[in-house]
Amino acid sequence: MQNVTIGKLAKDLGIGAGTLRYYERLGLLPPAGRTPSGYRMYGAAAAHRLRFIRRAQALGFSLEEIAELLALSDKPRARARDVKRVTQAKIADIERRIEALARMKQGLAALEARCSGHGHTGECPILGALNQADE
């Protein structure tokens, strides 16, 4: 890949140009080279790094976690167990979220079962539960 402008790279990868600039500010992406007129120019390494970021995001990693993974990826002699540790922590986080979502689903299902869907909103058990005063 030859050097391309921020607009071209963003379009090719389905990322907004603002997102690329944001990744630069966070240090996830090294600052781009500039043309004499000030345009950012990106090469193949930037495209590769952005694909890494997008894949990691698709797996649920936060930008902070991605920064850690990128730092490890940038050091081929780093310990693979550190990558595994980050991944295990993400799995545990996902499991906690799944449990929380299951509790939310149960609560909503219980409220939904109490609601006939008929009558006026003033008689709705779902809204009644949400409007309940704190004790």
C-alpha atoms as a PDB file:
ATOM      1  CA  MET A   1       0.000   0.000   0.000  1.00  0.00           C
ATOM      2  CA  GLN A   2       1.322   3.379  -0.966  1.00  0.00           C
ATOM      3  CA  ASN A   3       0.896   6.319   1.324  1.00  0.00           C
ATOM      4  CA  VAL A   4      -2.717   7.465   1.330  1.00  0.00           C
ATOM      5  CA  THR A   5      -4.593  10.386   2.825  1.00  0.00           C
ATOM      6  CA  ILE A   6      -6.625  10.085   5.973  1.00  0.00           C
ATOM      7  CA  GLY A   7      -9.842  10.192   3.920  1.00  0.00           C
ATOM      8  CA  LYS A   8      -8.766   7.347   1.635  1.00  0.00           C
ATOM      9  CA  LEU A   9      -7.550   5.155   4.498  1.00  0.00           C
ATOM     10  CA  ALA A  10     -10.693   5.830   6.511  1.00  0.00           C
ATOM     11  CA  LYS A  11     -12.889   4.954   3.540  1.00  0.00           C
ATOM     12  CA  ASP A  12     -10.922   1.796   2.727  1.00  0.00           C
ATOM     13  CA  LEU A  13     -11.272   0.520   6.301  1.00  0.00           C
ATOM     14  CA  GLY A  14     -14.785   1.775   7.002  1.00  0.00           C
ATOM     15  CA  ILE A  15     -13.586   4.078   9.763  1.00  0.00           C
ATOM     16  CA  GLY A  16     -14.307   7.767  10.143  1.00  0.00           C
ATOM     17  CA  ALA A  17     -11.422  10.193   9.668  1.00  0.00           C
ATOM     18  CA  GLY A  18     -12.215  11.590  13.107  1.00  0.00           C
ATOM     19  CA  THR A  19     -11.746   8.111  14.552  1.00  0.00           C
ATOM     20  CA  LEU A  20      -8.268   7.897  13.030  1.00  0.00           C
ATOM     21  CA  ARG A  21      -7.352  11.270  14.509  1.00  0.00           C
ATOM     22  CA  TYR A  22      -8.742  10.099  17.869  1.00  0.00           C
ATOM     23  CA  TYR A  23      -6.623   6.933  17.729  1.00  0.00           C
ATOM     24  CA  GLU A  24      -3.592   9.117  17.055  1.00  0.00           C
ATOM     25  CA  ARG A  25      -4.382  11.314  20.067  1.00  0.00           C
ATOM     26  CA  LEU A  26      -4.691   8.189  22.255  1.00  0.00           C
ATOM     27  CA  GLY A  27      -1.399   6.842  20.953  1.00  0.00           C
ATOM     28  CA  LEU A  28      -2.969   3.746  19.390  1.00  0.00           C
ATOM     29  CA  LEU A  29      -1.776   4.907  16.007  1.00  0.00           C
ATOM     30  CA  PRO A  30       1.572   6.637  15.545  1.00  0.00           C
ATOM     31  CA  PRO A  31       1.305  10.195  14.225  1.00  0.00           C
ATOM     32  CA  ALA A  32       1.020  10.221  10.463  1.00  0.00           C
ATOM     33  CA  GLY A  33       3.591  11.767   8.239  1.00  0.00           C
ATOM     34  CA  ARG A  34       2.578  15.064   6.720  1.00  0.00           C
ATOM     35  CA  THR A  35       2.814  16.443   3.247  1.00  0.00           C
ATOM     36  CA  PRO A  36       4.315  19.921   2.822  1.00  0.00           C
ATOM     37  CA  SER A  37       0.753  21.230   2.707  1.00  0.00           C
ATOM     38  CA  GLY A  38      -0.056  19.498   6.021  1.00  0.00           C
ATOM     39  CA  TYR A  39      -2.125  16.530   4.860  1.00  0.00           C
ATOM     40  CA  ARG A  40      -1.759  13.368   6.926  1.00  0.00           C
ATOM     41  CA  MET A  41      -0.365  10.432   4.944  1.00  0.00           C
ATOM     42  CA  TYR A  42      -0.640   6.821   6.080  1.00  0.00           C
ATOM     43  CA  GLY A  43       1.146   3.725   4.875  1.00  0.00           C
ATOM     44  CA  ALA A  44       0.644  -0.029   5.076  1.00  0.00           C
ATOM     45  CA  ALA A  45       1.754  -0.196   8.720  1.00  0.00           C
ATOM     46  CA  ALA A  46      -1.035   2.169   9.751  1.00  0.00           C
ATOM     47  CA  ALA A  47      -3.612   0.145   7.828  1.00  0.00           C
ATOM     48  CA  HIS A  48      -2.361  -3.059   9.478  1.00  0.00           C
ATOM     49  CA  ARG A  49      -2.535  -1.467  12.932  1.00  0.00           C
ATOM     50  CA  LEU A  50      -6.049  -0.170  12.293  1.00  0.00           C
ATOM     51  CA  ARG A  51      -7.194  -3.649  11.236  1.00  0.00           C
ATOM     52  CA  PHE A  52      -5.743  -4.996  14.493  1.00  0.00           C
ATOM     53  CA  ILE A  53      -7.693  -2.361  16.442  1.00  0.00           C
ATOM     54  CA  ARG A  54     -10.945  -3.136  14.624  1.00  0.00           C
ATOM     55  CA  ARG A  55     -10.567  -6.899  15.165  1.00  0.00           C
ATOM     56  CA  ALA A  56      -9.828  -6.382  18.851  1.00  0.00           C
ATOM     57  CA  GLN A  57     -12.865  -4.113  19.183  1.00  0.00           C
ATOM     58  CA  ALA A  58     -15.033  -6.757  17.508  1.00  0.00           C
ATOM     59  CA  LEU A  59     -13.918  -9.168  20.254  1.00  0.00           C
ATOM     60  CA  GLY A  60     -14.972  -6.679  22.915  1.00  0.00           C
ATOM     61  CA  PHE A  61     -11.626  -5.257  23.974  1.00  0.00           C
ATOM     62  CA  SER A  62     -11.711  -1.657  25.204  1.00  0.00           C
ATOM     63  CA  LEU A  63      -9.354   0.939  23.740  1.00  0.00           C
ATOM     64  CA  GLU A  64      -7.287   0.749  26.927  1.00  0.00           C
ATOM     65  CA  GLU A  65      -6.993  -3.025  26.566  1.00  0.00           C
ATOM     66  CA  ILE A  66      -6.190  -2.630  22.876  1.00  0.00           C
ATOM     67  CA  ALA A  67      -3.384  -0.223  23.769  1.00  0.00           C
ATOM     68  CA  GLU A  68      -1.942  -2.902  26.054  1.00  0.00           C
ATOM     69  CA  LEU A  69      -2.258  -5.564  23.355  1.00  0.00           C
ATOM     70  CA  LEU A  70      -0.647  -3.272  20.776  1.00  0.00           C
ATOM     71  CA  ALA A  71       2.249  -2.594  23.136  1.00  0.00           C
ATOM     72  CA  LEU A  72       2.743  -6.337  23.557  1.00  0.00           C
ATOM     73  CA  SER A  73       2.398  -6.910  19.813  1.00  0.00           C
ATOM     74  CA  ASP A  74       5.045  -4.263  19.162  1.00  0.00           C
ATOM     75  CA  LYS A  75       7.523  -6.291  21.258  1.00  0.00           C
ATOM     76  CA  PRO A  76       7.954  -9.721  19.642  1.00  0.00           C
ATOM     77  CA  ARG A  77      10.039 -10.856  22.645  1.00  0.00           C
ATOM     78  CA  ALA A  78       7.294  -9.930  25.150  1.00  0.00           C
ATOM     79  CA  ARG A  79       5.683 -12.741  27.100  1.00  0.00           C
ATOM     80  CA  ALA A  80       2.692 -14.449  25.526  1.00  0.00           C
ATOM     81  CA  ARG A  81       1.328 -15.033  29.032  1.00  0.00           C
ATOM     82  CA  ASP A  82       0.728 -11.275  29.273  1.00  0.00           C
ATOM     83  CA  VAL A  83      -1.489 -11.446  26.187  1.00  0.00           C
ATOM     84  CA  LYS A  84      -3.260 -14.432  27.695  1.00  0.00           C
ATOM     85  CA  ARG A  85      -3.779 -12.518  30.975  1.00  0.00           C
ATOM     86  CA  VAL A  86      -5.445  -9.617  29.140  1.00  0.00           C
ATOM     87  CA  THR A  87      -7.622 -12.077  27.234  1.00  0.00           C
ATOM     88  CA  GLN A  88      -8.610 -13.986  30.371  1.00  0.00           C
ATOM     89  CA  ALA A  89      -9.556 -10.729  32.078  1.00  0.00           C
ATOM     90  CA  LYS A  90     -11.733  -9.830  29.087  1.00  0.00           C
ATOM     91  CA  ILE A  91     -13.437 -13.234  29.202  1.00  0.00           C
ATOM     92  CA  ALA A  92     -14.164 -12.758  32.917  1.00  0.00           C
ATOM     93  CA  ASP A  93     -15.565  -9.281  32.197  1.00  0.00           C
ATOM     94  CA  ILE A  94     -17.801 -10.684  29.444  1.00  0.00           C
ATOM     95  CA  GLU A  95     -19.035 -13.428  31.782  1.00  0.00           C
ATOM     96  CA  ARG A  96     -19.936 -10.796  34.419  1.00  0.00           C
ATOM     97  CA  ARG A  97     -21.812  -8.803  31.797  1.00  0.00           C
ATOM     98  CA  ILE A  98     -23.688 -11.883  30.608  1.00  0.00           C
ATOM     99  CA  GLU A  99     -24.761 -12.614  34.195  1.00  0.00           C
ATOM    100  CA  ALA A 100     -25.898  -9.003  34.653  1.00  0.00           C
ATOM    101  CA  LEU A 101     -27.844  -9.140  31.381  1.00  0.00           C
ATOM    102  CA  ALA A 102     -29.484 -12.415  32.446  1.00  0.00           C
ATOM    103  CA  ARG A 103     -30.611 -10.742  35.708  1.00  0.00           C
ATOM    104  CA  MET A 104     -31.972  -7.780  33.739  1.00  0.00           C
ATOM    105  CA  LYS A 105     -33.811 -10.129  31.399  1.00  0.00           C
ATOM    106  CA  GLN A 106     -35.369 -12.008  34.323  1.00  0.00           C
ATOM    107  CA  GLY A 107     -36.505  -8.769  35.948  1.00  0.00           C
ATOM    108  CA  LEU A 108     -37.982  -7.470  32.714  1.00  0.00           C
ATOM    109  CA  ALA A 109     -39.664 -10.794  31.967  1.00  0.00           C
ATOM    110  CA  ALA A 110     -41.272 -10.807  35.416  1.00  0.00           C
ATOM    111  CA  LEU A 111     -42.593  -7.277  34.863  1.00  0.00           C
ATOM    112  CA  GLU A 112     -43.739  -8.076  31.336  1.00  0.00           C
ATOM    113  CA  ALA A 113     -45.633 -11.162  32.579  1.00  0.00           C
ATOM    114  CA  ARG A 114     -47.588  -8.958  35.027  1.00  0.00           C
ATOM    115  CA  CYS A 115     -48.672  -6.596  32.257  1.00  0.00           C
ATOM    116  CA  SER A 116     -51.708  -7.519  30.175  1.00  0.00           C
ATOM    117  CA  GLY A 117     -50.992  -4.829  27.634  1.00  0.00           C
ATOM    118  CA  HIS A 118     -54.587  -3.600  28.014  1.00  0.00           C
ATOM    119  CA  GLY A 119     -55.995  -0.631  29.833  1.00  0.00           C
ATOM    120  CA  HIS A 120     -54.355   2.677  30.624  1.00  0.00           C
ATOM    121  CA  THR A 121     -50.748   3.436  31.475  1.00  0.00           C
ATOM    122  CA  GLY A 122     -51.779   4.489  34.981  1.00  0.00           C
ATOM    123  CA  GLU A 123     -52.588   0.819  35.627  1.00  0.00           C
ATOM    124  CA  CYS A 124     -49.467  -0.595  33.986  1.00  0.00           C
ATOM    125  CA  PRO A 125     -47.435  -2.745  36.404  1.00  0.00           C
ATOM    126  CA  ILE A 126     -44.233  -2.083  34.452  1.00  0.00           C
ATOM    127  CA  LEU A 127     -44.540   1.672  34.828  1.00  0.00           C
ATOM    128  CA  GLY A 128     -45.698   1.170  38.415  1.00  0.00           C
ATOM    129  CA  ALA A 129     -42.505  -0.700  39.250  1.00  0.00           C
ATOM    130  CA  LEU A 130     -40.353   1.941  37.543  1.00  0.00           C
ATOM    131  CA  ASN A 131     -42.192   4.775  39.330  1.00  0.00           C
ATOM    132  CA  GLN A 132     -41.974   3.098  42.733  1.00  0.00           C
ATOM    133  CA  ALA A 133     -40.655   5.386  45.444  1.00  0.00           C
ATOM    134  CA  ASP A 134     -37.274   4.593  46.974  1.00  0.00           C
ATOM    135  CA  GLU A 135     -37.457   3.329  50.515  1.00  0.00           C
END
